[in-house]
Amino acid sequence: MSSEKYPADLLSGIAAFVQVGQSTSFTEAARRLNISASGVSRSMSRLEERLGARLINRTTRHLSLTPEGALYFERCRQILKSLEEAAEALGESRNASEGRLSVRLPKSFGRALVIPALAEYSVRYPKISLDIRLANGVADMEEEGIDVAMHLGQPRDAHLVARKLCSINYVLCASPDYLRRHGTPRRLSDLANHRCLTYIQPRTNTYRDWELTEKGATVAYKPQGVLNVDDVHALLEAAIHGAGIVYCMDFLIRKPVAARSLRVVLPKLAHEGPPAYIVAPPHRYRIRRVREFIDFLFEILAKPASRAIHDSKS
């Protein structure tokens, strides 16, 4: 391997190229690299000149990788990841965890439980930089460069390290004010006489059925919604302000139930949904900061997500 073919600054050019490949513009890549956009552009031009190939399509609005650039990007990303993991392996004996951690969480779960606890996490691990992505659905962790993710239901990728994080139940709730005005339903059939708040499923633009459990069997109840919204947090706000009865995952109502702004109704009809798993690629799970973040999630969920709900039944 000649030093002429592999100049000393090639690695820095590759690192900048990987950031460009993960960005939509030179400006965004420059912000991540803490250099100027013109500096990023010059670095990319030098790299293309050395390789004798065009890596990036440049326009006034955005950039994209050429086919050759996409191939080179994937190889470079894996090389940088291997170098990072080698450095992390050497640093495992350090007293303090440090570095960057990429985490993907379902939107509602992340907003309700994880984001509020991150101030405590940052105090405990001040040298960790967190990239939190709130997104629903299944992720390609390797493709997206994700270290830790939460998955609803049994993960399909058997190669991932998976640990069950918690169980999730679906419940019905309403505000005390609504129940004073309209009465408290005592049986499933009573719901026909109540104002129901339903969720519009964005992908299909259909109303979500309420899956309930009655006498050990799952019942799909089709509410006649008087208010239908494609955002579950907006539905909860409407329920808190007395608009009607809402159906949601139990972890979303821990705080309003504890604050007595919502009450669970028909608790015996609560339906057990898919459990939540925390997953990580095996080579990432061995990294100290990854394991510590996973342990932190288990710590903040040490009490079952439905604890506040059970307490409210008495």
C-alpha atoms as a PDB file:
ATOM      1  CA  MET A   1       0.000   0.000   0.000  1.00  0.00           C
ATOM      2  CA  SER A   2       1.762   3.173  -1.167  1.00  0.00           C
ATOM      3  CA  SER A   3       1.549   6.394   0.810  1.00  0.00           C
ATOM      4  CA  GLU A   4       1.013   8.232  -2.516  1.00  0.00           C
ATOM      5  CA  LYS A   5      -2.193   6.314  -3.225  1.00  0.00           C
ATOM      6  CA  TYR A   6      -3.395   6.669   0.374  1.00  0.00           C
ATOM      7  CA  PRO A   7      -2.430  10.189   1.559  1.00  0.00           C
ATOM      8  CA  ALA A   8      -2.522  10.931   5.264  1.00  0.00           C
ATOM      9  CA  ASP A   9      -5.623  13.149   5.044  1.00  0.00           C
ATOM     10  CA  LEU A  10      -7.710  10.622   3.100  1.00  0.00           C
ATOM     11  CA  LEU A  11      -9.410   9.355   6.261  1.00  0.00           C
ATOM     12  CA  SER A  12     -10.635  12.842   7.172  1.00  0.00           C
ATOM     13  CA  GLY A  13     -11.988  13.210   3.637  1.00  0.00           C
ATOM     14  CA  ILE A  14     -13.786   9.882   3.958  1.00  0.00           C
ATOM     15  CA  ALA A  15     -15.267  10.902   7.320  1.00  0.00           C
ATOM     16  CA  ALA A  16     -16.552  14.128   5.756  1.00  0.00           C
ATOM     17  CA  PHE A  17     -17.954  12.193   2.784  1.00  0.00           C
ATOM     18  CA  VAL A  18     -19.908   9.858   5.088  1.00  0.00           C
ATOM     19  CA  GLN A  19     -21.452  12.871   6.820  1.00  0.00           C
ATOM     20  CA  VAL A  20     -22.356  14.323   3.415  1.00  0.00           C
ATOM     21  CA  GLY A  21     -23.929  10.999   2.414  1.00  0.00           C
ATOM     22  CA  GLN A  22     -26.106  11.099   5.540  1.00  0.00           C
ATOM     23  CA  SER A  23     -27.159  14.723   4.929  1.00  0.00           C
ATOM     24  CA  THR A  24     -29.365  16.564   2.475  1.00  0.00           C
ATOM     25  CA  SER A  25     -27.036  19.497   1.917  1.00  0.00           C
ATOM     26  CA  PHE A  26     -23.454  20.676   2.417  1.00  0.00           C
ATOM     27  CA  THR A  27     -24.781  23.108   5.024  1.00  0.00           C
ATOM     28  CA  GLU A  28     -26.201  20.271   7.134  1.00  0.00           C
ATOM     29  CA  ALA A  29     -23.004  18.226   6.765  1.00  0.00           C
ATOM     30  CA  ALA A  30     -20.931  21.284   7.687  1.00  0.00           C
ATOM     31  CA  ARG A  31     -22.968  21.790  10.850  1.00  0.00           C
ATOM     32  CA  ARG A  32     -22.350  18.194  11.900  1.00  0.00           C
ATOM     33  CA  LEU A  33     -18.629  18.473  11.127  1.00  0.00           C
ATOM     34  CA  ASN A  34     -18.336  21.943  12.673  1.00  0.00           C
ATOM     35  CA  ILE A  35     -16.672  23.414   9.569  1.00  0.00           C
ATOM     36  CA  SER A  36     -17.875  25.711   6.785  1.00  0.00           C
ATOM     37  CA  ALA A  37     -20.020  24.501   3.896  1.00  0.00           C
ATOM     38  CA  SER A  38     -17.348  25.671   1.456  1.00  0.00           C
ATOM     39  CA  GLY A  39     -14.816  23.585   3.383  1.00  0.00           C
ATOM     40  CA  VAL A  40     -16.993  20.499   2.983  1.00  0.00           C
ATOM     41  CA  SER A  41     -17.378  21.199  -0.736  1.00  0.00           C
ATOM     42  CA  ARG A  42     -13.611  21.553  -1.217  1.00  0.00           C
ATOM     43  CA  SER A  43     -12.995  18.342   0.729  1.00  0.00           C
ATOM     44  CA  MET A  44     -15.440  16.456  -1.521  1.00  0.00           C
ATOM     45  CA  SER A  45     -13.805  17.860  -4.657  1.00  0.00           C
ATOM     46  CA  ARG A  46     -10.357  16.713  -3.470  1.00  0.00           C
ATOM     47  CA  LEU A  47     -11.705  13.244  -2.673  1.00  0.00           C
ATOM     48  CA  GLU A  48     -13.352  12.910  -6.089  1.00  0.00           C
ATOM     49  CA  GLU A  49     -10.130  14.032  -7.756  1.00  0.00           C
ATOM     50  CA  ARG A  50      -8.078  11.429  -5.891  1.00  0.00           C
ATOM     51  CA  LEU A  51     -10.541   8.647  -6.709  1.00  0.00           C
ATOM     52  CA  GLY A  52     -11.051   9.707 -10.298  1.00  0.00           C
ATOM     53  CA  ALA A  53     -14.802   9.383  -9.950  1.00  0.00           C
ATOM     54  CA  ARG A  54     -17.727  11.677  -9.280  1.00  0.00           C
ATOM     55  CA  LEU A  55     -19.356  10.804  -5.971  1.00  0.00           C
ATOM     56  CA  ILE A  56     -21.975  13.528  -5.551  1.00  0.00           C
ATOM     57  CA  ASN A  57     -24.632  15.127  -7.735  1.00  0.00           C
ATOM     58  CA  ARG A  58     -24.771  18.799  -6.780  1.00  0.00           C
ATOM     59  CA  THR A  59     -27.770  21.086  -7.369  1.00  0.00           C
ATOM     60  CA  THR A  60     -28.722  24.453  -5.915  1.00  0.00           C
ATOM     61  CA  ARG A  61     -31.357  22.860  -3.667  1.00  0.00           C
ATOM     62  CA  HIS A  62     -29.937  19.550  -2.518  1.00  0.00           C
ATOM     63  CA  LEU A  63     -27.307  16.912  -3.128  1.00  0.00           C
ATOM     64  CA  SER A  64     -27.463  13.200  -3.864  1.00  0.00           C
ATOM     65  CA  LEU A  65     -24.968  10.395  -4.347  1.00  0.00           C
ATOM     66  CA  THR A  66     -24.078   9.051  -7.757  1.00  0.00           C
ATOM     67  CA  PRO A  67     -24.254   5.242  -8.180  1.00  0.00           C
ATOM     68  CA  GLU A  68     -20.473   5.125  -7.638  1.00  0.00           C
ATOM     69  CA  GLY A  69     -20.849   7.435  -4.651  1.00  0.00           C
ATOM     70  CA  ALA A  70     -23.551   5.242  -3.102  1.00  0.00           C
ATOM     71  CA  LEU A  71     -21.312   2.162  -3.399  1.00  0.00           C
ATOM     72  CA  TYR A  72     -18.328   4.022  -1.946  1.00  0.00           C
ATOM     73  CA  PHE A  73     -20.504   5.460   0.843  1.00  0.00           C
ATOM     74  CA  GLU A  74     -21.625   2.029   2.079  1.00  0.00           C
ATOM     75  CA  ARG A  75     -18.064   0.703   2.211  1.00  0.00           C
ATOM     76  CA  CYS A  76     -16.739   3.850   3.913  1.00  0.00           C
ATOM     77  CA  ARG A  77     -19.564   3.859   6.463  1.00  0.00           C
ATOM     78  CA  GLN A  78     -18.742   0.299   7.458  1.00  0.00           C
ATOM     79  CA  ILE A  79     -15.024   1.104   7.685  1.00  0.00           C
ATOM     80  CA  LEU A  80     -15.639   4.092   9.952  1.00  0.00           C
ATOM     81  CA  LYS A  81     -17.997   2.048  12.101  1.00  0.00           C
ATOM     82  CA  SER A  82     -15.327  -0.661  12.483  1.00  0.00           C
ATOM     83  CA  LEU A  83     -12.739   1.952  13.471  1.00  0.00           C
ATOM     84  CA  GLU A  84     -15.156   3.441  15.988  1.00  0.00           C
ATOM     85  CA  GLU A  85     -15.890   0.045  17.505  1.00  0.00           C
ATOM     86  CA  ALA A  86     -12.164  -0.719  17.737  1.00  0.00           C
ATOM     87  CA  ALA A  87     -11.616   2.530  19.619  1.00  0.00           C
ATOM     88  CA  GLU A  88     -14.571   1.802  21.878  1.00  0.00           C
ATOM     89  CA  ALA A  89     -13.241  -1.665  22.660  1.00  0.00           C
ATOM     90  CA  LEU A  90      -9.950  -0.120  23.762  1.00  0.00           C
ATOM     91  CA  GLY A  91     -11.780   2.442  25.885  1.00  0.00           C
ATOM     92  CA  GLU A  92     -14.057   0.034  27.731  1.00  0.00           C
ATOM     93  CA  SER A  93     -11.895   0.288  30.822  1.00  0.00           C
ATOM     94  CA  ARG A  94     -12.450   4.037  31.154  1.00  0.00           C
ATOM     95  CA  ASN A  95     -14.318   5.242  34.225  1.00  0.00           C
ATOM     96  CA  ALA A  96     -16.737   7.434  32.278  1.00  0.00           C
ATOM     97  CA  SER A  97     -18.805   6.500  29.220  1.00  0.00           C
ATOM     98  CA  GLU A  98     -18.528   8.866  26.283  1.00  0.00           C
ATOM     99  CA  GLY A  99     -19.347   9.152  22.610  1.00  0.00           C
ATOM    100  CA  ARG A 100     -22.467   9.358  20.447  1.00  0.00           C
ATOM    101  CA  LEU A 101     -25.491   7.091  20.720  1.00  0.00           C
ATOM    102  CA  SER A 102     -28.205   6.754  18.080  1.00  0.00           C
ATOM    103  CA  VAL A 103     -31.597   5.648  19.453  1.00  0.00           C
ATOM    104  CA  ARG A 104     -34.894   4.990  17.651  1.00  0.00           C
ATOM    105  CA  LEU A 105     -38.160   4.936  19.609  1.00  0.00           C
ATOM    106  CA  PRO A 106     -41.864   4.803  18.717  1.00  0.00           C
ATOM    107  CA  LYS A 107     -43.205   8.358  18.783  1.00  0.00           C
ATOM    108  CA  SER A 108     -45.747   8.013  21.592  1.00  0.00           C
ATOM    109  CA  PHE A 109     -43.521   5.891  23.825  1.00  0.00           C
ATOM    110  CA  GLY A 110     -40.545   8.193  23.370  1.00  0.00           C
ATOM    111  CA  ARG A 111     -42.507  11.357  24.084  1.00  0.00           C
ATOM    112  CA  ALA A 112     -44.398   9.996  27.071  1.00  0.00           C
ATOM    113  CA  LEU A 113     -41.710   8.068  28.957  1.00  0.00           C
ATOM    114  CA  VAL A 114     -38.183   8.457  27.591  1.00  0.00           C
ATOM    115  CA  ILE A 115     -37.838  12.135  26.680  1.00  0.00           C
ATOM    116  CA  PRO A 116     -38.929  13.331  30.162  1.00  0.00           C
ATOM    117  CA  ALA A 117     -36.215  11.130  31.735  1.00  0.00           C
ATOM    118  CA  LEU A 118     -33.337  12.320  29.550  1.00  0.00           C
ATOM    119  CA  ALA A 119     -32.412  15.206  31.840  1.00  0.00           C
ATOM    120  CA  GLU A 120     -31.562  12.618  34.494  1.00  0.00           C
ATOM    121  CA  TYR A 121     -29.675  10.570  31.911  1.00  0.00           C
ATOM    122  CA  SER A 122     -27.568  13.568  30.837  1.00  0.00           C
ATOM    123  CA  VAL A 123     -26.605  14.250  34.442  1.00  0.00           C
ATOM    124  CA  ARG A 124     -25.530  10.651  34.899  1.00  0.00           C
ATOM    125  CA  TYR A 125     -23.722  10.400  31.549  1.00  0.00           C
ATOM    126  CA  PRO A 126     -22.598  13.939  30.668  1.00  0.00           C
ATOM    127  CA  LYS A 127     -20.145  12.790  27.976  1.00  0.00           C
ATOM    128  CA  ILE A 128     -22.762  10.937  25.925  1.00  0.00           C
ATOM    129  CA  SER A 129     -24.348  12.709  22.935  1.00  0.00           C
ATOM    130  CA  LEU A 130     -27.762  11.272  22.113  1.00  0.00           C
ATOM    131  CA  ASP A 131     -29.372  11.232  18.666  1.00  0.00           C
ATOM    132  CA  ILE A 132     -33.036  10.377  19.310  1.00  0.00           C
ATOM    133  CA  ARG A 133     -35.247   9.479  16.362  1.00  0.00           C
ATOM    134  CA  LEU A 134     -38.956   9.276  17.103  1.00  0.00           C
ATOM    135  CA  ALA A 135     -40.503   7.136  14.373  1.00  0.00           C
ATOM    136  CA  ASN A 136     -43.015   4.319  14.160  1.00  0.00           C
ATOM    137  CA  GLY A 137     -42.519   1.128  12.192  1.00  0.00           C
ATOM    138  CA  VAL A 138     -39.612  -1.274  11.818  1.00  0.00           C
ATOM    139  CA  ALA A 139     -36.142   0.158  11.141  1.00  0.00           C
ATOM    140  CA  ASP A 140     -33.161  -1.253   9.281  1.00  0.00           C
ATOM    141  CA  MET A 141     -30.737  -0.580  12.114  1.00  0.00           C
ATOM    142  CA  GLU A 142     -27.588  -1.212  10.119  1.00  0.00           C
ATOM    143  CA  GLU A 143     -28.755   0.868   7.171  1.00  0.00           C
ATOM    144  CA  GLU A 144     -29.786   3.801   9.391  1.00  0.00           C
ATOM    145  CA  GLY A 145     -26.807   3.536  11.750  1.00  0.00           C
ATOM    146  CA  ILE A 146     -28.999   2.949  14.826  1.00  0.00           C
ATOM    147  CA  ASP A 147     -27.441   1.591  18.017  1.00  0.00           C
ATOM    148  CA  VAL A 148     -30.588   0.911  20.074  1.00  0.00           C
ATOM    149  CA  ALA A 149     -34.250   0.692  19.079  1.00  0.00           C
ATOM    150  CA  MET A 150     -37.564  -0.170  20.655  1.00  0.00           C
ATOM    151  CA  HIS A 151     -39.810  -2.611  18.808  1.00  0.00           C
ATOM    152  CA  LEU A 152     -43.465  -3.385  19.490  1.00  0.00           C
ATOM    153  CA  GLY A 153     -43.949  -7.125  19.240  1.00  0.00           C
ATOM    154  CA  GLN A 154     -41.439  -9.930  18.806  1.00  0.00           C
ATOM    155  CA  PRO A 155     -38.590  -8.703  16.553  1.00  0.00           C
ATOM    156  CA  ARG A 156     -38.449 -10.524  13.242  1.00  0.00           C
ATOM    157  CA  ASP A 157     -34.680 -10.173  12.850  1.00  0.00           C
ATOM    158  CA  ALA A 158     -33.268 -13.113  14.802  1.00  0.00           C
ATOM    159  CA  HIS A 159     -29.749 -11.665  14.605  1.00  0.00           C
ATOM    160  CA  LEU A 160     -30.588  -8.746  16.896  1.00  0.00           C
ATOM    161  CA  VAL A 161     -30.070  -8.886  20.657  1.00  0.00           C
ATOM    162  CA  ALA A 162     -33.631  -8.483  22.008  1.00  0.00           C
ATOM    163  CA  ARG A 163     -34.797  -7.981  25.592  1.00  0.00           C
ATOM    164  CA  LYS A 164     -38.421  -7.615  26.622  1.00  0.00           C
ATOM    165  CA  LEU A 165     -38.828  -4.110  27.969  1.00  0.00           C
ATOM    166  CA  CYS A 166     -42.433  -4.008  29.189  1.00  0.00           C
ATOM    167  CA  SER A 167     -45.982  -5.122  28.545  1.00  0.00           C
ATOM    168  CA  ILE A 168     -48.463  -2.685  27.038  1.00  0.00           C
ATOM    169  CA  ASN A 169     -52.197  -2.661  27.661  1.00  0.00           C
ATOM    170  CA  TYR A 170     -54.932  -0.752  25.852  1.00  0.00           C
ATOM    171  CA  VAL A 171     -57.472   0.939  28.112  1.00  0.00           C
ATOM    172  CA  LEU A 172     -60.463   3.276  28.038  1.00  0.00           C
ATOM    173  CA  CYS A 173     -60.409   6.521  29.985  1.00  0.00           C
ATOM    174  CA  ALA A 174     -62.237   9.794  30.402  1.00  0.00           C
ATOM    175  CA  SER A 175     -62.005  12.900  32.550  1.00  0.00           C
ATOM    176  CA  PRO A 176     -63.829  13.123  35.904  1.00  0.00           C
ATOM    177  CA  ASP A 177     -65.747  16.114  34.501  1.00  0.00           C
ATOM    178  CA  TYR A 178     -67.006  14.108  31.524  1.00  0.00           C
ATOM    179  CA  LEU A 179     -68.055  11.231  33.778  1.00  0.00           C
ATOM    180  CA  ARG A 180     -69.957  13.612  36.080  1.00  0.00           C
ATOM    181  CA  ARG A 181     -71.880  14.998  33.111  1.00  0.00           C
ATOM    182  CA  HIS A 182     -72.499  11.761  31.197  1.00  0.00           C
ATOM    183  CA  GLY A 183     -72.221   9.022  33.801  1.00  0.00           C
ATOM    184  CA  THR A 184     -69.749   6.154  34.067  1.00  0.00           C
ATOM    185  CA  PRO A 185     -70.222   3.189  31.687  1.00  0.00           C
ATOM    186  CA  ARG A 186     -70.644  -0.098  33.557  1.00  0.00           C
ATOM    187  CA  ARG A 187     -70.652  -2.554  30.645  1.00  0.00           C
ATOM    188  CA  LEU A 188     -69.523  -2.699  27.020  1.00  0.00           C
ATOM    189  CA  SER A 189     -73.014  -1.983  25.673  1.00  0.00           C
ATOM    190  CA  ASP A 190     -73.083   1.320  27.603  1.00  0.00           C
ATOM    191  CA  LEU A 191     -70.461   2.776  25.248  1.00  0.00           C
ATOM    192  CA  ALA A 192     -73.143   3.229  22.574  1.00  0.00           C
ATOM    193  CA  ASN A 193     -74.581   6.039  24.712  1.00  0.00           C
ATOM    194  CA  HIS A 194     -71.259   7.848  25.191  1.00  0.00           C
ATOM    195  CA  ARG A 195     -69.177  10.300  23.210  1.00  0.00           C
ATOM    196  CA  CYS A 196     -66.212   8.372  21.811  1.00  0.00           C
ATOM    197  CA  LEU A 197     -62.933   9.832  20.595  1.00  0.00           C
ATOM    198  CA  THR A 198     -61.304   7.743  17.866  1.00  0.00           C
ATOM    199  CA  TYR A 199     -57.958   7.595  16.122  1.00  0.00           C
ATOM    200  CA  ILE A 200     -57.649   8.051  12.366  1.00  0.00           C
ATOM    201  CA  GLN A 201     -54.965   5.706  11.023  1.00  0.00           C
ATOM    202  CA  PRO A 202     -52.882   7.943   8.718  1.00  0.00           C
ATOM    203  CA  ARG A 203     -51.810   5.276   6.210  1.00  0.00           C
ATOM    204  CA  THR A 204     -55.309   3.980   5.515  1.00  0.00           C
ATOM    205  CA  ASN A 205     -57.377   7.009   6.588  1.00  0.00           C
ATOM    206  CA  THR A 206     -59.654   4.620   8.516  1.00  0.00           C
ATOM    207  CA  TYR A 207     -60.888   4.685  12.094  1.00  0.00           C
ATOM    208  CA  ARG A 208     -59.154   2.313  14.483  1.00  0.00           C
ATOM    209  CA  ASP A 209     -61.365  -0.290  16.177  1.00  0.00           C
ATOM    210  CA  TRP A 210     -61.150  -0.629  19.935  1.00  0.00           C
ATOM    211  CA  GLU A 211     -59.777  -4.082  20.742  1.00  0.00           C
ATOM    212  CA  LEU A 212     -61.118  -5.015  24.189  1.00  0.00           C
ATOM    213  CA  THR A 213     -61.106  -8.182  26.273  1.00  0.00           C
ATOM    214  CA  GLU A 214     -64.424  -9.506  27.556  1.00  0.00           C
ATOM    215  CA  LYS A 215     -64.684 -12.833  29.378  1.00  0.00           C
ATOM    216  CA  GLY A 216     -61.232 -13.813  28.164  1.00  0.00           C
ATOM    217  CA  ALA A 217     -61.993 -13.183  24.486  1.00  0.00           C
ATOM    218  CA  THR A 218     -60.905 -10.319  22.245  1.00  0.00           C
ATOM    219  CA  VAL A 219     -63.764  -8.089  21.106  1.00  0.00           C
ATOM    220  CA  ALA A 220     -63.368  -5.600  18.243  1.00  0.00           C
ATOM    221  CA  TYR A 221     -65.645  -2.690  19.133  1.00  0.00           C
ATOM    222  CA  LYS A 222     -66.404  -0.124  16.429  1.00  0.00           C
ATOM    223  CA  PRO A 223     -67.074   3.194  18.175  1.00  0.00           C
ATOM    224  CA  GLN A 224     -69.169   5.914  16.585  1.00  0.00           C
ATOM    225  CA  GLY A 225     -66.629   8.671  17.032  1.00  0.00           C
ATOM    226  CA  VAL A 226     -67.839  12.212  17.657  1.00  0.00           C
ATOM    227  CA  LEU A 227     -64.229  13.420  17.388  1.00  0.00           C
ATOM    228  CA  ASN A 228     -61.676  11.679  15.177  1.00  0.00           C
ATOM    229  CA  VAL A 229     -58.020  12.764  15.066  1.00  0.00           C
ATOM    230  CA  ASP A 230     -54.880  11.319  13.484  1.00  0.00           C
ATOM    231  CA  ASP A 231     -52.758  12.170  16.540  1.00  0.00           C
ATOM    232  CA  VAL A 232     -53.134  10.192  19.765  1.00  0.00           C
ATOM    233  CA  HIS A 233     -51.708  12.991  21.914  1.00  0.00           C
ATOM    234  CA  ALA A 234     -54.358  15.374  20.595  1.00  0.00           C
ATOM    235  CA  LEU A 235     -57.036  12.806  21.441  1.00  0.00           C
ATOM    236  CA  LEU A 236     -55.697  12.557  24.989  1.00  0.00           C
ATOM    237  CA  GLU A 237     -55.796  16.335  25.357  1.00  0.00           C
ATOM    238  CA  ALA A 238     -59.407  16.303  24.177  1.00  0.00           C
ATOM    239  CA  ALA A 239     -60.257  13.583  26.699  1.00  0.00           C
ATOM    240  CA  ILE A 240     -58.536  15.462  29.538  1.00  0.00           C
ATOM    241  CA  HIS A 241     -60.676  18.502  28.685  1.00  0.00           C
ATOM    242  CA  GLY A 242     -63.893  16.484  28.859  1.00  0.00           C
ATOM    243  CA  ALA A 243     -64.622  15.755  25.187  1.00  0.00           C
ATOM    244  CA  GLY A 244     -65.339  12.050  25.669  1.00  0.00           C
ATOM    245  CA  ILE A 245     -63.938   8.548  26.172  1.00  0.00           C
ATOM    246  CA  VAL A 246     -60.617   7.680  24.557  1.00  0.00           C
ATOM    247  CA  TYR A 247     -58.900   4.340  23.864  1.00  0.00           C
ATOM    248  CA  CYS A 248     -55.130   4.350  24.202  1.00  0.00           C
ATOM    249  CA  MET A 249     -51.992   2.592  25.391  1.00  0.00           C
ATOM    250  CA  ASP A 250     -51.695   2.601  29.169  1.00  0.00           C
ATOM    251  CA  PHE A 251     -48.246   4.196  29.383  1.00  0.00           C
ATOM    252  CA  LEU A 252     -49.631   7.366  27.803  1.00  0.00           C
ATOM    253  CA  ILE A 253     -51.949   8.063  30.730  1.00  0.00           C
ATOM    254  CA  ARG A 254     -49.654   7.409  33.693  1.00  0.00           C
ATOM    255  CA  LYS A 255     -49.292  11.095  34.500  1.00  0.00           C
ATOM    256  CA  PRO A 256     -52.896  12.235  33.860  1.00  0.00           C
ATOM    257  CA  VAL A 257     -54.246   9.293  35.884  1.00  0.00           C
ATOM    258  CA  ALA A 258     -51.860  10.060  38.750  1.00  0.00           C
ATOM    259  CA  ALA A 259     -52.882  13.741  38.510  1.00  0.00           C
ATOM    260  CA  ARG A 260     -56.583  12.692  38.513  1.00  0.00           C
ATOM    261  CA  SER A 261     -57.258  14.468  35.234  1.00  0.00           C
ATOM    262  CA  LEU A 262     -58.213  11.112  33.675  1.00  0.00           C
ATOM    263  CA  ARG A 263     -59.866   8.004  35.081  1.00  0.00           C
ATOM    264  CA  VAL A 264     -59.836   4.488  33.641  1.00  0.00           C
ATOM    265  CA  VAL A 265     -63.312   3.218  32.805  1.00  0.00           C
ATOM    266  CA  LEU A 266     -64.355  -0.389  32.274  1.00  0.00           C
ATOM    267  CA  PRO A 267     -60.945  -1.591  33.535  1.00  0.00           C
ATOM    268  CA  LYS A 268     -61.938  -5.247  33.167  1.00  0.00           C
ATOM    269  CA  LEU A 269     -62.109  -4.713  29.407  1.00  0.00           C
ATOM    270  CA  ALA A 270     -58.430  -3.663  29.199  1.00  0.00           C
ATOM    271  CA  HIS A 271     -56.730  -5.442  26.306  1.00  0.00           C
ATOM    272  CA  GLU A 272     -53.170  -6.750  26.367  1.00  0.00           C
ATOM    273  CA  GLY A 273     -51.242  -5.570  23.338  1.00  0.00           C
ATOM    274  CA  PRO A 274     -47.873  -6.698  21.974  1.00  0.00           C
ATOM    275  CA  PRO A 275     -44.960  -6.429  24.430  1.00  0.00           C
ATOM    276  CA  ALA A 276     -42.226  -3.889  23.794  1.00  0.00           C
ATOM    277  CA  TYR A 277     -38.686  -5.104  23.131  1.00  0.00           C
ATOM    278  CA  ILE A 278     -35.429  -3.203  23.186  1.00  0.00           C
ATOM    279  CA  VAL A 279     -33.116  -4.361  20.402  1.00  0.00           C
ATOM    280  CA  ALA A 280     -29.528  -3.773  19.312  1.00  0.00           C
ATOM    281  CA  PRO A 281     -27.161  -5.312  16.758  1.00  0.00           C
ATOM    282  CA  PRO A 282     -24.833  -7.788  18.526  1.00  0.00           C
ATOM    283  CA  HIS A 283     -21.676  -5.811  17.755  1.00  0.00           C
ATOM    284  CA  ARG A 284     -23.296  -2.644  19.158  1.00  0.00           C
ATOM    285  CA  TYR A 285     -24.714  -4.369  22.250  1.00  0.00           C
ATOM    286  CA  ARG A 286     -21.167  -5.092  23.397  1.00  0.00           C
ATOM    287  CA  ILE A 287     -20.462  -1.342  23.580  1.00  0.00           C
ATOM    288  CA  ARG A 288     -20.624  -0.014  27.108  1.00  0.00           C
ATOM    289  CA  ARG A 289     -22.751   3.061  26.432  1.00  0.00           C
ATOM    290  CA  VAL A 290     -25.302   0.952  24.536  1.00  0.00           C
ATOM    291  CA  ARG A 291     -25.740  -1.440  27.449  1.00  0.00           C
ATOM    292  CA  GLU A 292     -25.930   1.464  29.905  1.00  0.00           C
ATOM    293  CA  PHE A 293     -28.698   3.165  27.911  1.00  0.00           C
ATOM    294  CA  ILE A 294     -30.656  -0.087  27.768  1.00  0.00           C
ATOM    295  CA  ASP A 295     -30.245  -0.507  31.526  1.00  0.00           C
ATOM    296  CA  PHE A 296     -31.461   3.077  31.951  1.00  0.00           C
ATOM    297  CA  LEU A 297     -34.644   2.288  30.010  1.00  0.00           C
ATOM    298  CA  PHE A 298     -35.303  -0.672  32.285  1.00  0.00           C
ATOM    299  CA  GLU A 299     -34.684   1.553  35.291  1.00  0.00           C
ATOM    300  CA  ILE A 300     -37.241   4.199  34.307  1.00  0.00           C
ATOM    301  CA  LEU A 301     -39.717   1.412  33.580  1.00  0.00           C
ATOM    302  CA  ALA A 302     -38.983  -0.455  36.812  1.00  0.00           C
ATOM    303  CA  LYS A 303     -42.598   0.085  37.780  1.00  0.00           C
ATOM    304  CA  PRO A 304     -44.979  -1.510  35.268  1.00  0.00           C
ATOM    305  CA  ALA A 305     -46.342   0.957  32.740  1.00  0.00           C
ATOM    306  CA  SER A 306     -49.822   0.242  34.080  1.00  0.00           C
ATOM    307  CA  ARG A 307     -48.943   0.831  37.740  1.00  0.00           C
ATOM    308  CA  ALA A 308     -50.693   4.208  37.938  1.00  0.00           C
ATOM    309  CA  ILE A 309     -53.718   2.644  36.250  1.00  0.00           C
ATOM    310  CA  HIS A 310     -53.957  -0.207  38.735  1.00  0.00           C
ATOM    311  CA  ASP A 311     -53.638   2.262  41.580  1.00  0.00           C
ATOM    312  CA  SER A 312     -56.505   4.292  40.155  1.00  0.00           C
ATOM    313  CA  LYS A 313     -58.981   1.400  40.341  1.00  0.00           C
ATOM    314  CA  SER A 314     -59.257   1.457  44.080  1.00  0.00           C
END
